[in-house]
Amino acid sequence: MNTTLFEKQGEKTLQIRRKVQAVIFDDADNGYAKKVLILKKIGFSAKRYCWRLLKGGMNDGETETEALQREIFEEKGLKKVKILE
């Protein structure tokens, strides 16, 4: 879960946004080691590239599965993914 502190006209409010994160791997049985997808993204605080898993925030009314599917599509364009729970 991510918390963000906002200040508006001298009042401080705390906003909590739930997040999801996925480990995406290729389940093809081809005799080789499984492949895991990691993303190279610019880190805003470090201002340099870093490796990370696919992740993102949940929208109001979304389930964790719906948020994962949306984030996977938005970041990588993948539609046919199997979510393991």
Protein backbone atom coordinates (compact mmCIF):
# COMPACT_ATOMS: atom_id res chain seq x y z
CA MET A 1 0.00 0.00 0.00
CA ASN A 2 1.23 3.46 -0.83
CA THR A 3 0.50 6.53 1.28
CA THR A 4 0.87 10.08 0.06
CA LEU A 5 0.63 13.20 2.20
CA PHE A 6 -1.06 16.15 0.55
CA GLU A 7 -1.19 19.68 1.87
CA LYS A 8 -4.03 21.93 0.78
CA GLN A 9 -4.50 25.42 2.20
CA GLY A 10 -2.70 24.57 5.44
CA GLU A 11 -4.58 21.30 5.95
CA LYS A 12 -2.74 18.02 5.68
CA THR A 13 -4.59 15.01 4.34
CA LEU A 14 -3.36 11.48 3.94
CA GLN A 15 -4.32 9.62 0.76
CA ILE A 16 -3.91 5.87 0.67
CA ARG A 17 -3.76 4.10 -2.69
CA ARG A 18 -3.58 0.36 -2.92
CA LYS A 19 -1.07 -1.06 -5.39
CA VAL A 20 -0.57 -4.32 -7.21
CA GLN A 21 2.62 -5.95 -8.44
CA ALA A 22 3.16 -8.90 -10.75
CA VAL A 23 5.87 -11.45 -11.40
CA ILE A 24 5.41 -12.42 -15.05
CA PHE A 25 7.07 -15.54 -16.35
CA ASP A 26 7.01 -17.61 -19.51
CA ASP A 27 5.48 -21.00 -18.76
CA ALA A 28 6.54 -22.58 -22.06
CA ASP A 29 7.96 -26.05 -21.47
CA ASN A 30 10.85 -25.87 -23.92
CA GLY A 31 13.57 -27.53 -21.85
CA TYR A 32 15.16 -24.19 -20.93
CA ALA A 33 14.99 -22.22 -17.71
CA LYS A 34 11.87 -20.16 -17.24
CA LYS A 35 12.06 -16.50 -18.25
CA VAL A 36 10.95 -13.74 -15.89
CA LEU A 37 9.93 -10.29 -17.14
CA ILE A 38 11.50 -7.34 -15.36
CA LEU A 39 11.26 -3.76 -16.55
CA LYS A 40 13.99 -1.16 -16.90
CA LYS A 41 12.41 2.10 -15.81
CA ILE A 42 13.69 5.49 -14.81
CA GLY A 43 13.64 5.89 -11.03
CA PHE A 44 12.17 9.30 -10.25
CA SER A 45 13.92 9.74 -6.89
CA ALA A 46 17.29 8.36 -8.04
CA LYS A 47 17.00 9.88 -11.55
CA ARG A 48 18.61 6.80 -13.05
CA TYR A 49 17.43 3.58 -14.62
CA CYS A 50 16.64 0.66 -12.36
CA TRP A 51 15.15 -2.81 -12.79
CA ARG A 52 11.76 -3.56 -11.26
CA LEU A 53 8.73 -5.79 -11.47
CA LEU A 54 5.58 -4.60 -13.18
CA LYS A 55 3.42 -2.67 -10.72
CA GLY A 56 0.82 0.04 -10.47
CA GLY A 57 -2.00 1.54 -8.46
CA MET A 58 -5.54 0.26 -8.13
CA ASN A 59 -8.45 2.41 -9.31
CA ASP A 60 -11.59 2.86 -7.23
CA GLY A 61 -13.91 -0.15 -7.53
CA GLU A 62 -11.24 -2.38 -9.10
CA THR A 63 -10.39 -5.82 -7.78
CA GLU A 64 -6.72 -6.81 -7.45
CA THR A 65 -7.08 -9.12 -10.47
CA GLU A 66 -8.66 -6.38 -12.61
CA ALA A 67 -5.92 -3.93 -11.60
CA LEU A 68 -3.19 -6.46 -12.45
CA GLN A 69 -4.72 -7.18 -15.86
CA ARG A 70 -5.04 -3.46 -16.61
CA GLU A 71 -1.49 -2.66 -15.49
CA ILE A 72 -0.02 -5.55 -17.48
CA PHE A 73 -1.84 -4.35 -20.59
CA GLU A 74 -0.96 -0.66 -20.04
CA GLU A 75 2.74 -1.30 -19.44
CA LYS A 76 3.45 -4.22 -21.78
CA GLY A 77 0.41 -4.65 -24.04
CA LEU A 78 -0.15 -8.25 -22.91
CA LYS A 79 -3.78 -9.41 -22.97
CA LYS A 80 -3.65 -13.17 -22.51
CA VAL A 81 -2.22 -13.59 -19.04
CA LYS A 82 -3.07 -16.15 -16.41
CA ILE A 83 -3.34 -14.67 -12.91
CA LEU A 84 -2.35 -17.15 -10.18
CA GLU A 85 -3.88 -16.54 -6.78
